[in-house]
Amino acid sequence: MMVLMLVFTLMSVGLFYATRIQEVQDELAIVFGPSAFTERESSRRSHLTFLLFTYASPLMLALVLATANNFLNRSRR
């Protein structure tokens, strides 16, 4: 159950960073109207943050799972 919650949390953070990219905001403005997303940020910085998160999230998930597994194995001894 906790792994599922962790996966959904990482997906939510990824979607949050994706909505801060200018191109994604433009597409969402087409669907929901132009007033839905008015906050602007540097497109390059948002895009790099999203890519960094996308590439690093599997590594973070593996690190959390390995740590939890290691903790459980040590507590069983």
Protein backbone atom coordinates (compact mmCIF):
# COMPACT_ATOMS: atom_id res chain seq x y z
CA MET A 1 0.00 0.00 0.00
CA MET A 2 2.80 2.40 0.85
CA VAL A 3 4.56 1.69 -2.45
CA LEU A 4 1.38 2.53 -4.33
CA MET A 5 1.06 5.79 -2.41
CA LEU A 6 4.68 6.62 -3.17
CA VAL A 7 4.19 5.95 -6.87
CA PHE A 8 1.08 8.16 -7.02
CA THR A 9 2.89 10.91 -5.13
CA LEU A 10 5.79 10.85 -7.58
CA MET A 11 3.36 10.91 -10.50
CA SER A 12 1.56 13.91 -8.98
CA VAL A 13 4.79 15.82 -8.53
CA GLY A 14 5.71 14.99 -12.12
CA LEU A 15 2.38 16.31 -13.36
CA PHE A 16 2.85 19.46 -11.28
CA TYR A 17 6.22 20.12 -12.89
CA ALA A 18 4.78 19.34 -16.32
CA THR A 19 2.08 21.99 -15.92
CA ARG A 20 4.76 24.63 -15.34
CA ILE A 21 6.21 24.14 -18.85
CA GLN A 22 5.04 26.79 -21.30
CA GLU A 23 4.10 24.36 -24.07
CA VAL A 24 2.00 22.25 -21.71
CA GLN A 25 0.31 25.41 -20.38
CA ASP A 26 -0.56 26.42 -23.93
CA GLU A 27 -2.15 23.04 -24.61
CA LEU A 28 -4.11 23.17 -21.35
CA ALA A 29 -5.26 26.70 -22.20
CA ILE A 30 -6.76 25.32 -25.42
CA VAL A 31 -8.76 22.75 -23.45
CA PHE A 32 -9.74 24.76 -20.35
CA GLY A 33 -9.66 28.33 -21.67
CA PRO A 34 -6.96 30.98 -21.74
CA SER A 35 -7.57 32.24 -18.19
CA ALA A 36 -6.90 28.86 -16.51
CA PHE A 37 -3.10 29.16 -16.51
CA THR A 38 -1.80 32.72 -16.40
CA GLU A 39 1.33 32.36 -14.25
CA ARG A 40 4.44 32.44 -16.42
CA GLU A 41 7.92 31.22 -15.56
CA SER A 42 11.09 30.73 -17.50
CA SER A 43 10.20 27.94 -19.93
CA ARG A 44 13.74 26.62 -20.10
CA ARG A 45 14.08 26.31 -16.32
CA SER A 46 10.70 24.57 -15.96
CA HIS A 47 11.51 22.18 -18.77
CA LEU A 48 14.88 21.26 -17.28
CA THR A 49 13.32 20.76 -13.84
CA PHE A 50 10.70 18.45 -15.33
CA LEU A 51 13.30 16.44 -17.23
CA LEU A 52 15.52 16.15 -14.17
CA PHE A 53 12.58 14.94 -12.10
CA THR A 54 11.50 12.49 -14.80
CA TYR A 55 14.95 10.93 -15.04
CA ALA A 56 15.63 10.97 -11.30
CA SER A 57 12.26 9.68 -10.01
CA PRO A 58 12.94 5.97 -10.76
CA LEU A 59 16.26 6.29 -8.96
CA MET A 60 14.57 7.96 -5.98
CA LEU A 61 11.90 5.25 -5.89
CA ALA A 62 14.55 2.50 -5.99
CA LEU A 63 16.48 4.24 -3.21
CA VAL A 64 13.41 4.46 -0.97
CA LEU A 65 12.42 0.84 -1.63
CA ALA A 66 15.96 -0.45 -1.02
CA THR A 67 16.19 1.50 2.23
CA ALA A 68 12.81 0.21 3.41
CA ASN A 69 13.76 -3.34 2.45
CA ASN A 70 17.09 -3.04 4.26
CA PHE A 71 15.35 -1.65 7.35
CA LEU A 72 12.81 -4.51 7.35
CA ASN A 73 15.53 -7.15 6.97
CA ARG A 74 17.56 -5.70 9.83
CA SER A 75 14.52 -5.45 12.10
CA ARG A 76 13.67 -9.14 11.50
CA ARG A 77 17.10 -10.28 12.73
